[in-house]
Amino acid sequence: MSTVNGSLVCVGLGMLLGAHLSPRARSEIELADSVFALVSDSIVEIWLQRMRSDMRSLQPFYAEGKPRHLSYREMIDAMLEEVRAGRRVCGVFYGHPGVFAHVPHQAIARARAEGFQAHMDPGISAEDCLYADLGIDPGSYGCQHYETSQLMFYRRRIDPSAYLILWQIGVAGDRSVSRFGTGAAYRELLIDLLAPDYPADHPVIVYEAATLPIQTPRIDRMPLSDLVQARLSPQSTLVIPPSRPLEPNETMLGRIAELDLAAKGS
C-alpha cells in the first residue's frame, strides 16, 4: 500500500464542446495538479487548454500502424508516473470516460492496485446523444450494443426484434488494432454476417454525434447494402432498426396470468 498522497480521477467532457461538461468534472480539471487529455479533435484540445494551459495531450501517443494497445500502455504510464509522484491527476476524455475507453479503466485499476485513490466521473456519451438525436427509446424494443469487430470475431446471438447498434463500424474487422479504417471488403463480410436477419434493402442509419456547437449530428439513412461504399470515420456508428416484430412468449404470459389470478385470490 502506497503512503504517497497521489490520486487519479478520470472525467468526461461529454460530446458537445462546453455544453456537456458537468460542474463536478470542471472542478476536477481546475483543481488537479496534472491534467492529461484525450479528446475528439484539436478544437476541443484548444478549448481545454484555455481552462488548463498546462494540459498534456495524450493524442501524440497514437500513430498510424502503431498497435493501439501500445499507445494505451504509454498513456497509462504517463498518468501513473504523475500519480506516483504524489500529484492529484485528472484524465480528461471525450464523451463518457468509461464507454469505449480502455485507458481510463486500466489506469484506475492500476492506480488502485498500487494503493492510490482513483475513481471515474461519468459524462454524456455518444450513446446518450444517439437516443436523443434519433428519437429512440431503448425501452420500446430493446437495444443490443456491440463493437463491430467483436461481433465479427465471435459467435453472438442477434435479436432482430430489437435495435442493433454497432460501434466503430469504420474499423470493422480490424484484427491488427492499429488501423484507423478498413475498406469495403470488410463491410461486405459484415453484411454477409447480418444477412440471415437483415435483408440487403433493410434501412439502417450511419450516425455521428455532433462535437461542436456549429455542427449538426450526422444522420445518414440508407439500405444496408449501401454501407459497403458509405463514407465512414472512426466515430461512425451503425444503427439497425428491428427487422421483425416482437413475438409474444405465450408460455411465460400464461404463467404470469396464473400468478395474477393467485394474487387476486389471496
Protein backbone atom coordinates (compact mmCIF):
# COMPACT_ATOMS: atom_id res chain seq x y z
CA MET A 1 0.00 0.00 0.00
CA SER A 2 1.37 3.37 -1.07
CA THR A 3 2.00 6.07 1.54
CA VAL A 4 2.11 8.82 -1.12
CA ASN A 5 -0.96 11.04 -1.49
CA GLY A 6 -1.18 10.90 -5.27
CA SER A 7 -4.63 10.32 -6.78
CA LEU A 8 -6.33 9.86 -10.13
CA VAL A 9 -9.75 10.85 -11.44
CA CYS A 10 -10.96 10.29 -14.98
CA VAL A 11 -13.71 12.65 -16.13
CA GLY A 12 -15.77 13.05 -19.29
CA LEU A 13 -16.18 16.20 -21.35
CA GLY A 14 -19.34 14.88 -22.95
CA MET A 15 -19.73 15.06 -26.71
CA LEU A 16 -20.73 18.68 -27.43
CA LEU A 17 -17.94 21.15 -26.71
CA GLY A 18 -18.56 23.07 -23.50
CA ALA A 19 -22.26 22.21 -23.27
CA HIS A 20 -21.91 18.75 -21.72
CA LEU A 21 -19.22 19.46 -19.13
CA SER A 22 -20.60 18.90 -15.63
CA PRO A 23 -19.75 21.24 -12.73
CA ARG A 24 -18.06 18.34 -10.93
CA ALA A 25 -15.86 17.48 -13.93
CA ARG A 26 -14.92 21.14 -14.36
CA SER A 27 -13.93 21.33 -10.70
CA GLU A 28 -11.72 18.24 -11.02
CA ILE A 29 -9.96 19.75 -14.02
CA GLU A 30 -9.41 23.08 -12.31
CA LEU A 31 -8.15 21.64 -9.00
CA ALA A 32 -5.82 18.95 -10.36
CA ASP A 33 -2.05 19.26 -10.15
CA SER A 34 -1.62 17.49 -13.50
CA VAL A 35 -4.14 17.26 -16.34
CA PHE A 36 -3.95 14.81 -19.27
CA ALA A 37 -6.47 14.79 -22.10
CA LEU A 38 -7.61 12.55 -24.93
CA VAL A 39 -10.35 14.43 -26.75
CA SER A 40 -12.18 14.32 -30.07
CA ASP A 41 -10.26 16.92 -32.08
CA SER A 42 -7.79 19.80 -31.97
CA ILE A 43 -10.50 22.43 -31.43
CA VAL A 44 -11.62 20.71 -28.24
CA GLU A 45 -7.97 20.50 -27.15
CA ILE A 46 -7.52 24.24 -27.66
CA TRP A 47 -10.70 24.91 -25.67
CA LEU A 48 -9.43 22.74 -22.82
CA GLN A 49 -6.04 24.48 -22.87
CA ARG A 50 -7.79 27.76 -22.12
CA MET A 51 -9.00 26.19 -18.89
CA ARG A 52 -5.68 24.49 -18.14
CA SER A 53 -2.72 25.87 -20.10
CA ASP A 54 -0.53 23.10 -18.67
CA MET A 55 -2.77 20.34 -20.02
CA ARG A 56 -0.85 17.49 -21.65
CA SER A 57 -2.39 15.83 -24.68
CA LEU A 58 -2.37 12.04 -24.94
CA GLN A 59 -3.05 12.20 -28.68
CA PRO A 60 0.66 12.07 -29.71
CA PHE A 61 0.86 8.51 -28.36
CA TYR A 62 -1.24 7.41 -31.36
CA ALA A 63 0.38 6.75 -34.73
CA GLU A 64 -0.76 5.08 -37.96
CA GLY A 65 0.41 1.46 -37.91
CA LYS A 66 1.25 1.55 -34.20
CA PRO A 67 -0.73 -1.04 -32.19
CA ARG A 68 -3.31 0.77 -30.10
CA HIS A 69 -2.61 -1.38 -27.05
CA LEU A 70 0.94 0.01 -27.05
CA SER A 71 -0.39 3.56 -27.27
CA TYR A 72 -2.79 2.86 -24.41
CA ARG A 73 0.00 1.46 -22.24
CA GLU A 74 2.10 4.56 -22.80
CA MET A 75 -0.82 6.85 -21.95
CA ILE A 76 -1.46 4.97 -18.72
CA ASP A 77 2.22 5.04 -17.79
CA ALA A 78 2.35 8.81 -18.32
CA MET A 79 -0.57 9.42 -15.96
CA LEU A 80 0.57 6.91 -13.34
CA GLU A 81 4.04 8.46 -13.22
CA GLU A 82 2.44 11.68 -12.00
CA VAL A 83 0.23 9.85 -9.51
CA ARG A 84 3.26 8.06 -8.06
CA ALA A 85 4.97 11.44 -7.66
CA GLY A 86 2.22 12.41 -5.24
CA ARG A 87 0.20 14.61 -7.57
CA ARG A 88 -3.55 14.94 -7.93
CA VAL A 89 -4.04 13.81 -11.54
CA CYS A 90 -7.08 14.34 -13.76
CA GLY A 91 -7.51 12.45 -17.02
CA VAL A 92 -9.98 14.15 -19.34
CA PHE A 93 -11.68 12.11 -22.05
CA TYR A 94 -14.33 12.96 -24.61
CA GLY A 95 -17.78 11.56 -24.08
CA HIS A 96 -18.08 9.22 -21.10
CA PRO A 97 -14.66 8.14 -19.76
CA GLY A 98 -15.88 4.59 -19.24
CA VAL A 99 -17.55 3.98 -22.61
CA PHE A 100 -15.31 2.53 -25.34
CA ALA A 101 -12.37 3.87 -23.37
CA HIS A 102 -9.66 1.39 -22.42
CA VAL A 103 -7.24 3.88 -20.86
CA PRO A 104 -9.41 5.26 -18.03
CA HIS A 105 -10.50 1.82 -16.84
CA GLN A 106 -6.99 0.39 -16.85
CA ALA A 107 -5.39 3.50 -15.35
CA ILE A 108 -7.87 3.48 -12.46
CA ALA A 109 -7.38 -0.26 -11.91
CA ARG A 110 -3.59 0.10 -11.81
CA ALA A 111 -3.71 3.13 -9.53
CA ARG A 112 -5.95 1.31 -7.06
CA ALA A 113 -3.76 -1.80 -7.21
CA GLU A 114 -0.82 0.38 -6.17
CA GLY A 115 -2.77 1.81 -3.25
CA PHE A 116 -3.78 5.18 -4.67
CA GLN A 117 -7.21 6.78 -4.58
CA ALA A 118 -8.76 6.59 -8.04
CA HIS A 119 -12.26 7.00 -9.41
CA MET A 120 -14.27 7.85 -12.51
CA ASP A 121 -16.88 10.57 -13.03
CA PRO A 122 -19.47 9.90 -15.75
CA GLY A 123 -20.05 12.03 -18.80
CA ILE A 124 -22.55 12.29 -21.65
CA SER A 125 -21.64 9.63 -24.21
CA ALA A 126 -22.33 9.19 -27.92
CA GLU A 127 -24.96 6.64 -26.91
CA ASP A 128 -26.84 9.28 -24.92
CA CYS A 129 -26.71 11.65 -27.90
CA LEU A 130 -27.84 8.88 -30.24
CA TYR A 131 -31.05 8.27 -28.31
CA ALA A 132 -31.85 12.00 -28.32
CA ASP A 133 -30.90 12.71 -31.95
CA LEU A 134 -32.62 9.66 -33.45
CA GLY A 135 -35.63 9.67 -31.15
CA ILE A 136 -35.01 6.13 -29.95
CA ASP A 137 -36.35 4.95 -26.60
CA PRO A 138 -34.35 1.83 -25.67
CA GLY A 139 -37.29 0.70 -23.56
CA SER A 140 -39.61 0.36 -26.57
CA TYR A 141 -37.98 -2.60 -28.33
CA GLY A 142 -34.69 -3.03 -26.51
CA CYS A 143 -31.18 -2.31 -27.79
CA GLN A 144 -28.20 -4.56 -28.44
CA HIS A 145 -24.83 -2.86 -28.48
CA TYR A 146 -21.72 -4.46 -29.94
CA GLU A 147 -18.31 -3.28 -31.01
CA THR A 148 -18.41 -4.17 -34.70
CA SER A 149 -15.21 -6.19 -34.92
CA GLN A 150 -16.09 -8.12 -31.77
CA LEU A 151 -19.41 -9.07 -33.36
CA MET A 152 -17.49 -10.35 -36.38
CA PHE A 153 -14.84 -12.24 -34.40
CA TYR A 154 -17.14 -14.12 -32.02
CA ARG A 155 -20.37 -16.04 -32.21
CA ARG A 156 -23.02 -13.70 -30.83
CA ARG A 157 -26.79 -14.07 -30.76
CA ILE A 158 -28.60 -11.25 -32.56
CA ASP A 159 -32.24 -10.45 -31.77
CA PRO A 160 -33.68 -8.78 -34.91
CA SER A 161 -36.77 -7.62 -32.98
CA ALA A 162 -34.57 -5.12 -31.08
CA TYR A 163 -32.36 -2.28 -32.28
CA LEU A 164 -28.84 -3.40 -33.17
CA ILE A 165 -26.24 -0.69 -32.59
CA LEU A 166 -22.74 -1.35 -33.92
CA TRP A 167 -19.93 0.87 -32.69
CA GLN A 168 -16.69 1.65 -34.52
CA ILE A 169 -18.12 0.49 -37.83
CA GLY A 170 -15.31 2.30 -39.66
CA VAL A 171 -12.75 -0.25 -38.46
CA ALA A 172 -14.93 -3.32 -38.97
CA GLY A 173 -12.85 -6.49 -38.99
CA ASP A 174 -9.55 -4.89 -37.96
CA ARG A 175 -7.52 -7.56 -36.16
CA SER A 176 -4.32 -5.52 -36.05
CA VAL A 177 -5.78 -2.90 -33.68
CA SER A 178 -3.52 -0.42 -35.46
CA ARG A 179 -5.56 0.92 -38.37
CA PHE A 180 -7.86 3.94 -38.44
CA GLY A 181 -10.15 2.41 -41.06
CA THR A 182 -10.92 -0.73 -43.07
CA GLY A 183 -12.35 -0.97 -46.56
CA ALA A 184 -15.38 -2.13 -48.49
CA ALA A 185 -14.39 -5.81 -48.48
CA TYR A 186 -14.59 -5.91 -44.69
CA ARG A 187 -18.03 -4.31 -44.71
CA GLU A 188 -19.20 -6.90 -47.23
CA LEU A 189 -18.23 -9.58 -44.72
CA LEU A 190 -20.24 -7.78 -42.05
CA ILE A 191 -23.28 -7.61 -44.33
CA ASP A 192 -22.92 -11.34 -45.01
CA LEU A 193 -22.91 -11.93 -41.26
CA LEU A 194 -26.07 -9.86 -40.84
CA ALA A 195 -27.85 -11.32 -43.88
CA PRO A 196 -29.80 -14.07 -42.03
CA ASP A 197 -31.60 -11.39 -40.01
CA TYR A 198 -31.49 -8.28 -42.20
CA PRO A 199 -32.17 -8.16 -45.96
CA ALA A 200 -29.93 -6.06 -48.21
CA ASP A 201 -32.61 -3.37 -48.53
CA HIS A 202 -33.23 -3.08 -44.79
CA PRO A 203 -32.99 0.59 -43.72
CA VAL A 204 -30.03 1.49 -41.50
CA ILE A 205 -28.54 4.72 -40.15
CA VAL A 206 -24.92 5.87 -40.05
CA TYR A 207 -24.73 8.16 -37.03
CA GLU A 208 -22.10 10.52 -35.65
CA ALA A 209 -22.78 12.80 -32.68
CA ALA A 210 -22.06 16.50 -33.04
CA THR A 211 -18.99 17.62 -31.13
CA LEU A 212 -19.03 21.37 -31.88
CA PRO A 213 -21.89 23.85 -31.38
CA ILE A 214 -21.77 24.79 -35.08
CA GLN A 215 -22.26 21.18 -36.15
CA THR A 216 -25.35 19.03 -36.55
CA PRO A 217 -25.25 15.28 -35.93
CA ARG A 218 -24.66 13.06 -38.93
CA ILE A 219 -27.79 11.01 -39.63
CA ASP A 220 -27.42 9.23 -42.96
CA ARG A 221 -30.20 6.80 -43.79
CA MET A 222 -29.55 4.13 -46.40
CA PRO A 223 -30.27 0.48 -47.25
CA LEU A 224 -27.89 -1.94 -45.58
CA SER A 225 -26.27 -2.81 -48.92
CA ASP A 226 -25.13 0.81 -49.39
CA LEU A 227 -22.97 0.56 -46.28
CA VAL A 228 -20.22 -1.00 -48.43
CA GLN A 229 -19.46 2.31 -50.15
CA ALA A 230 -20.56 4.69 -47.39
CA ARG A 231 -18.15 7.33 -46.06
CA LEU A 232 -17.18 6.20 -42.58
CA SER A 233 -14.90 7.51 -39.85
CA PRO A 234 -13.69 6.10 -36.52
CA GLN A 235 -16.62 7.95 -34.92
CA SER A 236 -19.29 6.34 -37.14
CA THR A 237 -21.93 4.17 -35.50
CA LEU A 238 -24.34 1.92 -37.39
CA VAL A 239 -27.92 1.83 -36.11
CA ILE A 240 -30.06 -1.03 -37.41
CA PRO A 241 -33.78 -0.81 -36.57
CA PRO A 242 -35.71 -4.01 -35.86
CA SER A 243 -36.43 -6.19 -38.87
CA ARG A 244 -39.02 -8.39 -37.16
CA PRO A 245 -41.86 -7.67 -34.73
CA LEU A 246 -41.73 -8.69 -31.09
CA GLU A 247 -43.03 -12.25 -30.64
CA PRO A 248 -45.18 -12.89 -27.56
CA ASN A 249 -43.89 -15.56 -25.21
CA GLU A 250 -47.20 -17.36 -24.72
CA THR A 251 -45.78 -19.83 -22.20
CA MET A 252 -44.44 -17.10 -19.95
CA LEU A 253 -47.58 -14.97 -20.35
CA GLY A 254 -49.66 -17.96 -19.24
CA ARG A 255 -47.54 -18.47 -16.12
CA ILE A 256 -47.77 -14.78 -15.27
CA ALA A 257 -51.56 -14.93 -15.69
CA GLU A 258 -51.70 -17.81 -13.21
CA LEU A 259 -49.72 -15.75 -10.68
CA ASP A 260 -52.03 -12.78 -11.26
CA LEU A 261 -55.07 -14.97 -10.54
CA ALA A 262 -53.44 -16.37 -7.42
CA ALA A 263 -52.61 -12.87 -6.20
CA LYS A 264 -56.22 -11.73 -6.67
CA GLY A 265 -57.49 -14.71 -4.71
CA SER A 266 -55.17 -14.27 -1.76
